[in-house]
Amino acid sequence: MLSVQGERAGADLDLLFGALADGTRRAIVQRLAAGEATVTELAAPFPISLPAISRHLKVLERASLITRSQHGRWRGARLSPAALMPAAAWLADQERHWTERFDRLEEHLARHSNEKGRP
């Protein structure tokens, strides 16, 4: 049974991976890794409307991947890289798990191969 904290972490990962599941949002995150940008700057490379970009930004903001600010008419977005840490930790756990499993499989196959080769 998952704890409440575990369920919350799972929900956060769902939001994070859901936000990153879209190519446009991944491109926005990649662009923001270079520094803060306006909504207009973020929209420039995409053949979609400003309202569509704004919807993508809302998804990223809900996942805590970005923060947005407004100073007069200037609306900016900034990457919140700390939000990626839970995903990085989850991926590292998965990598460890599967590396161990593949190592054990490799050892098993090597033993099995050696046993077959014996006279």
N, C-alpha and C. Protein backbone atom coordinates (compact mmCIF):
# COMPACT_ATOMS: atom_id res chain seq x y z
N MET A 1 0.84 -1.17 0.00
CA MET A 1 0.00 0.00 0.00
C MET A 1 0.90 1.25 0.00
N LEU A 2 0.53 2.22 -0.84
CA LEU A 2 1.29 3.46 -0.91
C LEU A 2 0.90 4.38 0.24
N SER A 3 1.86 5.11 0.72
CA SER A 3 1.56 6.12 1.73
C SER A 3 0.97 7.34 1.04
N VAL A 4 0.42 8.24 1.83
CA VAL A 4 -0.12 9.48 1.27
C VAL A 4 0.99 10.25 0.57
N GLN A 5 2.16 10.26 1.18
CA GLN A 5 3.30 10.96 0.58
C GLN A 5 3.69 10.29 -0.73
N GLY A 6 3.67 8.96 -0.77
CA GLY A 6 3.98 8.24 -2.00
C GLY A 6 2.98 8.51 -3.10
N GLU A 7 1.70 8.59 -2.71
CA GLU A 7 0.66 8.91 -3.69
C GLU A 7 0.85 10.31 -4.24
N ARG A 8 1.22 11.24 -3.36
CA ARG A 8 1.46 12.63 -3.79
C ARG A 8 2.64 12.70 -4.74
N ALA A 9 3.71 11.97 -4.41
CA ALA A 9 4.88 11.96 -5.29
C ALA A 9 4.52 11.36 -6.64
N GLY A 10 3.70 10.31 -6.63
CA GLY A 10 3.26 9.70 -7.88
C GLY A 10 2.43 10.65 -8.71
N ALA A 11 1.55 11.40 -8.06
CA ALA A 11 0.73 12.38 -8.77
C ALA A 11 1.60 13.48 -9.36
N ASP A 12 2.62 13.91 -8.61
CA ASP A 12 3.54 14.94 -9.11
C ASP A 12 4.29 14.43 -10.33
N LEU A 13 4.74 13.17 -10.29
CA LEU A 13 5.43 12.59 -11.44
C LEU A 13 4.49 12.48 -12.63
N ASP A 14 3.23 12.12 -12.38
CA ASP A 14 2.26 12.04 -13.47
C ASP A 14 2.11 13.40 -14.15
N LEU A 15 1.99 14.46 -13.33
CA LEU A 15 1.89 15.82 -13.89
C LEU A 15 3.14 16.18 -14.68
N LEU A 16 4.29 15.86 -14.12
CA LEU A 16 5.56 16.20 -14.75
C LEU A 16 5.73 15.47 -16.08
N PHE A 17 5.56 14.14 -16.07
CA PHE A 17 5.73 13.38 -17.30
C PHE A 17 4.63 13.71 -18.31
N GLY A 18 3.41 13.99 -17.82
CA GLY A 18 2.34 14.40 -18.72
C GLY A 18 2.68 15.71 -19.42
N ALA A 19 3.24 16.64 -18.67
CA ALA A 19 3.63 17.93 -19.26
C ALA A 19 4.74 17.74 -20.29
N LEU A 20 5.66 16.83 -20.02
CA LEU A 20 6.78 16.61 -20.93
C LEU A 20 6.45 15.66 -22.07
N ALA A 21 5.24 15.11 -22.08
CA ALA A 21 4.85 14.16 -23.12
C ALA A 21 4.63 14.84 -24.47
N ASP A 22 4.45 16.14 -24.45
CA ASP A 22 4.18 16.88 -25.68
C ASP A 22 5.46 17.52 -26.21
N GLY A 23 5.72 17.35 -27.49
CA GLY A 23 6.94 17.87 -28.11
C GLY A 23 7.06 19.39 -28.04
N THR A 24 5.96 20.10 -28.20
CA THR A 24 6.00 21.56 -28.10
C THR A 24 6.43 21.98 -26.70
N ARG A 25 5.86 21.33 -25.69
CA ARG A 25 6.23 21.69 -24.31
C ARG A 25 7.68 21.34 -24.02
N ARG A 26 8.17 20.20 -24.54
CA ARG A 26 9.59 19.86 -24.34
C ARG A 26 10.48 20.91 -25.00
N ALA A 27 10.09 21.38 -26.18
CA ALA A 27 10.87 22.41 -26.87
C ALA A 27 10.86 23.72 -26.07
N ILE A 28 9.73 24.05 -25.47
CA ILE A 28 9.65 25.26 -24.64
C ILE A 28 10.57 25.12 -23.44
N VAL A 29 10.54 23.96 -22.78
CA VAL A 29 11.43 23.73 -21.63
C VAL A 29 12.88 23.85 -22.07
N GLN A 30 13.21 23.27 -23.21
CA GLN A 30 14.58 23.34 -23.71
C GLN A 30 14.98 24.79 -23.98
N ARG A 31 14.08 25.57 -24.56
CA ARG A 31 14.38 26.98 -24.82
C ARG A 31 14.57 27.74 -23.52
N LEU A 32 13.73 27.46 -22.51
CA LEU A 32 13.83 28.17 -21.24
C LEU A 32 15.08 27.76 -20.46
N ALA A 33 15.68 26.64 -20.79
CA ALA A 33 16.93 26.26 -20.15
C ALA A 33 18.03 27.27 -20.48
N ALA A 34 17.87 27.99 -21.59
CA ALA A 34 18.84 29.02 -21.97
C ALA A 34 18.57 30.35 -21.28
N GLY A 35 17.40 30.48 -20.65
CA GLY A 35 17.10 31.72 -19.93
C GLY A 35 15.65 32.13 -20.11
N GLU A 36 15.26 33.10 -19.32
CA GLU A 36 13.89 33.60 -19.32
C GLU A 36 13.51 34.12 -20.71
N ALA A 37 12.23 33.98 -21.06
CA ALA A 37 11.75 34.43 -22.37
C ALA A 37 10.32 34.92 -22.24
N THR A 38 9.93 35.78 -23.17
CA THR A 38 8.54 36.24 -23.22
C THR A 38 7.70 35.19 -23.93
N VAL A 39 6.40 35.28 -23.75
CA VAL A 39 5.48 34.37 -24.44
C VAL A 39 5.65 34.49 -25.94
N THR A 40 5.81 35.71 -26.43
CA THR A 40 6.00 35.94 -27.87
C THR A 40 7.28 35.27 -28.35
N GLU A 41 8.35 35.39 -27.60
CA GLU A 41 9.62 34.74 -27.97
C GLU A 41 9.46 33.22 -27.99
N LEU A 42 8.73 32.70 -27.01
CA LEU A 42 8.53 31.25 -26.95
C LEU A 42 7.67 30.76 -28.11
N ALA A 43 6.72 31.58 -28.54
CA ALA A 43 5.81 31.19 -29.61
C ALA A 43 6.46 31.25 -31.00
N ALA A 44 7.49 32.07 -31.15
CA ALA A 44 8.07 32.33 -32.47
C ALA A 44 8.39 31.09 -33.31
N PRO A 45 9.02 30.06 -32.78
CA PRO A 45 9.37 28.93 -33.65
C PRO A 45 8.22 27.98 -33.99
N PHE A 46 7.04 28.21 -33.42
CA PHE A 46 5.94 27.26 -33.59
C PHE A 46 4.84 27.82 -34.49
N PRO A 47 4.26 26.97 -35.34
CA PRO A 47 3.17 27.42 -36.22
C PRO A 47 1.81 27.35 -35.51
N ILE A 48 1.77 27.81 -34.27
CA ILE A 48 0.52 27.79 -33.50
C ILE A 48 0.29 29.18 -32.91
N SER A 49 -0.93 29.43 -32.49
CA SER A 49 -1.32 30.75 -31.98
C SER A 49 -0.74 31.03 -30.59
N LEU A 50 -0.74 32.31 -30.24
CA LEU A 50 -0.32 32.70 -28.89
C LEU A 50 -1.22 32.07 -27.82
N PRO A 51 -2.54 32.01 -28.03
CA PRO A 51 -3.37 31.33 -27.02
C PRO A 51 -2.99 29.85 -26.84
N ALA A 52 -2.60 29.18 -27.93
CA ALA A 52 -2.18 27.78 -27.82
C ALA A 52 -0.88 27.67 -27.03
N ILE A 53 0.05 28.58 -27.27
CA ILE A 53 1.30 28.60 -26.49
C ILE A 53 0.99 28.86 -25.03
N SER A 54 0.06 29.77 -24.78
CA SER A 54 -0.33 30.07 -23.40
C SER A 54 -0.91 28.84 -22.71
N ARG A 55 -1.69 28.04 -23.43
CA ARG A 55 -2.22 26.80 -22.83
C ARG A 55 -1.08 25.83 -22.50
N HIS A 56 -0.09 25.72 -23.40
CA HIS A 56 1.08 24.87 -23.12
C HIS A 56 1.81 25.37 -21.87
N LEU A 57 1.95 26.68 -21.75
CA LEU A 57 2.63 27.25 -20.58
C LEU A 57 1.86 26.96 -19.29
N LYS A 58 0.54 26.97 -19.36
CA LYS A 58 -0.26 26.65 -18.18
C LYS A 58 -0.02 25.21 -17.73
N VAL A 59 0.10 24.30 -18.69
CA VAL A 59 0.37 22.89 -18.35
C VAL A 59 1.74 22.79 -17.68
N LEU A 60 2.73 23.47 -18.24
CA LEU A 60 4.08 23.46 -17.66
C LEU A 60 4.08 24.09 -16.27
N GLU A 61 3.30 25.14 -16.10
CA GLU A 61 3.22 25.81 -14.80
C GLU A 61 2.54 24.92 -13.76
N ARG A 62 1.47 24.21 -14.16
CA ARG A 62 0.79 23.29 -13.24
C ARG A 62 1.73 22.19 -12.78
N ALA A 63 2.65 21.79 -13.64
CA ALA A 63 3.62 20.75 -13.29
C ALA A 63 4.82 21.33 -12.55
N SER A 64 4.78 22.62 -12.26
CA SER A 64 5.86 23.34 -11.56
C SER A 64 7.16 23.39 -12.34
N LEU A 65 7.10 23.17 -13.65
CA LEU A 65 8.30 23.22 -14.48
C LEU A 65 8.72 24.64 -14.81
N ILE A 66 7.76 25.54 -14.81
CA ILE A 66 8.07 26.95 -15.10
C ILE A 66 7.35 27.84 -14.11
N THR A 67 7.86 29.06 -14.00
CA THR A 67 7.15 30.11 -13.30
C THR A 67 6.93 31.23 -14.30
N ARG A 68 5.83 31.91 -14.15
CA ARG A 68 5.54 33.02 -15.07
C ARG A 68 5.43 34.30 -14.27
N SER A 69 5.81 35.38 -14.90
CA SER A 69 5.73 36.69 -14.25
C SER A 69 5.16 37.69 -15.24
N GLN A 70 4.65 38.77 -14.69
CA GLN A 70 4.11 39.83 -15.52
C GLN A 70 4.52 41.16 -14.94
N HIS A 71 5.11 41.96 -15.76
CA HIS A 71 5.52 43.31 -15.38
C HIS A 71 4.94 44.24 -16.44
N GLY A 72 3.80 44.84 -16.15
CA GLY A 72 3.12 45.66 -17.15
C GLY A 72 2.62 44.76 -18.27
N ARG A 73 3.00 45.09 -19.48
CA ARG A 73 2.59 44.28 -20.63
C ARG A 73 3.56 43.14 -20.89
N TRP A 74 4.69 43.15 -20.23
CA TRP A 74 5.72 42.12 -20.42
C TRP A 74 5.35 40.88 -19.62
N ARG A 75 5.22 39.75 -20.32
CA ARG A 75 4.91 38.47 -19.67
C ARG A 75 6.05 37.51 -19.96
N GLY A 76 6.70 37.08 -18.89
CA GLY A 76 7.84 36.19 -19.06
C GLY A 76 7.61 34.83 -18.45
N ALA A 77 8.46 33.92 -18.85
CA ALA A 77 8.45 32.57 -18.29
C ALA A 77 9.88 32.17 -18.00
N ARG A 78 10.04 31.43 -16.92
CA ARG A 78 11.36 31.01 -16.47
C ARG A 78 11.28 29.53 -16.06
N LEU A 79 12.31 28.78 -16.40
CA LEU A 79 12.38 27.37 -16.04
C LEU A 79 12.61 27.23 -14.54
N SER A 80 11.97 26.24 -13.95
CA SER A 80 12.19 25.88 -12.55
C SER A 80 12.85 24.50 -12.53
N PRO A 81 14.16 24.45 -12.71
CA PRO A 81 14.84 23.16 -12.87
C PRO A 81 14.70 22.21 -11.69
N ALA A 82 14.46 22.73 -10.50
CA ALA A 82 14.31 21.85 -9.33
C ALA A 82 13.12 20.91 -9.50
N ALA A 83 12.13 21.32 -10.29
CA ALA A 83 10.95 20.47 -10.52
C ALA A 83 11.32 19.19 -11.26
N LEU A 84 12.46 19.18 -11.93
CA LEU A 84 12.89 17.98 -12.67
C LEU A 84 13.56 16.95 -11.76
N MET A 85 13.91 17.34 -10.54
CA MET A 85 14.64 16.43 -9.64
C MET A 85 13.87 15.15 -9.32
N PRO A 86 12.57 15.20 -9.03
CA PRO A 86 11.86 13.95 -8.77
C PRO A 86 11.88 13.00 -9.96
N ALA A 87 11.77 13.55 -11.16
CA ALA A 87 11.83 12.71 -12.36
C ALA A 87 13.22 12.12 -12.53
N ALA A 88 14.24 12.93 -12.29
CA ALA A 88 15.62 12.43 -12.41
C ALA A 88 15.87 11.32 -11.39
N ALA A 89 15.36 11.49 -10.18
CA ALA A 89 15.53 10.45 -9.15
C ALA A 89 14.78 9.18 -9.53
N TRP A 90 13.57 9.32 -10.05
CA TRP A 90 12.79 8.15 -10.46
C TRP A 90 13.49 7.42 -11.60
N LEU A 91 13.99 8.18 -12.57
CA LEU A 91 14.70 7.56 -13.70
C LEU A 91 15.98 6.87 -13.23
N ALA A 92 16.70 7.47 -12.28
CA ALA A 92 17.91 6.85 -11.75
C ALA A 92 17.58 5.54 -11.04
N ASP A 93 16.47 5.52 -10.29
CA ASP A 93 16.03 4.28 -9.64
C ASP A 93 15.71 3.21 -10.68
N GLN A 94 15.02 3.61 -11.73
CA GLN A 94 14.67 2.65 -12.78
C GLN A 94 15.93 2.12 -13.47
N GLU A 95 16.87 3.02 -13.72
CA GLU A 95 18.13 2.59 -14.37
C GLU A 95 18.87 1.59 -13.49
N ARG A 96 18.95 1.87 -12.19
CA ARG A 96 19.61 0.94 -11.26
C ARG A 96 18.91 -0.42 -11.26
N HIS A 97 17.60 -0.39 -11.17
CA HIS A 97 16.81 -1.62 -11.13
C HIS A 97 17.07 -2.46 -12.39
N TRP A 98 16.94 -1.82 -13.55
CA TRP A 98 17.07 -2.58 -14.79
C TRP A 98 18.50 -2.97 -15.08
N THR A 99 19.47 -2.19 -14.66
CA THR A 99 20.87 -2.58 -14.81
C THR A 99 21.15 -3.84 -14.00
N GLU A 100 20.65 -3.88 -12.76
CA GLU A 100 20.82 -5.07 -11.93
C GLU A 100 20.15 -6.28 -12.57
N ARG A 101 18.96 -6.10 -13.08
CA ARG A 101 18.22 -7.21 -13.70
C ARG A 101 18.96 -7.73 -14.92
N PHE A 102 19.45 -6.83 -15.76
CA PHE A 102 20.18 -7.26 -16.96
C PHE A 102 21.52 -7.91 -16.60
N ASP A 103 22.17 -7.41 -15.56
CA ASP A 103 23.41 -8.05 -15.10
C ASP A 103 23.15 -9.47 -14.64
N ARG A 104 22.06 -9.67 -13.88
CA ARG A 104 21.71 -11.02 -13.43
C ARG A 104 21.35 -11.92 -14.60
N LEU A 105 20.66 -11.39 -15.59
CA LEU A 105 20.32 -12.16 -16.78
C LEU A 105 21.58 -12.56 -17.52
N GLU A 106 22.50 -11.62 -17.67
CA GLU A 106 23.76 -11.90 -18.35
C GLU A 106 24.53 -13.01 -17.63
N GLU A 107 24.58 -12.94 -16.29
CA GLU A 107 25.26 -13.99 -15.51
C GLU A 107 24.57 -15.34 -15.69
N HIS A 108 23.25 -15.33 -15.66
CA HIS A 108 22.50 -16.57 -15.84
C HIS A 108 22.77 -17.18 -17.22
N LEU A 109 22.73 -16.35 -18.24
CA LEU A 109 22.98 -16.85 -19.60
C LEU A 109 24.40 -17.36 -19.75
N ALA A 110 25.36 -16.68 -19.12
CA ALA A 110 26.76 -17.14 -19.19
C ALA A 110 26.89 -18.49 -18.50
N ARG A 111 26.27 -18.67 -17.32
CA ARG A 111 26.31 -19.96 -16.61
C ARG A 111 25.65 -21.04 -17.45
N HIS A 112 24.51 -20.73 -18.01
CA HIS A 112 23.76 -21.70 -18.82
C HIS A 112 24.57 -22.09 -20.04
N SER A 113 25.22 -21.13 -20.66
CA SER A 113 26.05 -21.41 -21.83
C SER A 113 27.23 -22.28 -21.48
N ASN A 114 27.87 -22.00 -20.32
CA ASN A 114 29.01 -22.81 -19.87
C ASN A 114 28.60 -24.22 -19.53
N GLU A 115 27.42 -24.39 -18.93
CA GLU A 115 26.92 -25.71 -18.57
C GLU A 115 26.63 -26.53 -19.81
N LYS A 116 26.11 -25.92 -20.84
CA LYS A 116 25.82 -26.62 -22.08
C LYS A 116 27.09 -27.06 -22.79
N GLY A 117 28.13 -26.26 -22.63
CA GLY A 117 29.39 -26.53 -23.30
C GLY A 117 30.21 -27.65 -22.66
N ARG A 118 29.86 -28.08 -21.44
CA ARG A 118 30.62 -29.12 -20.74
C ARG A 118 30.35 -30.50 -21.35
N PRO A 119 31.39 -31.33 -21.42
CA PRO A 119 31.18 -32.68 -21.97
C PRO A 119 30.47 -33.60 -21.01
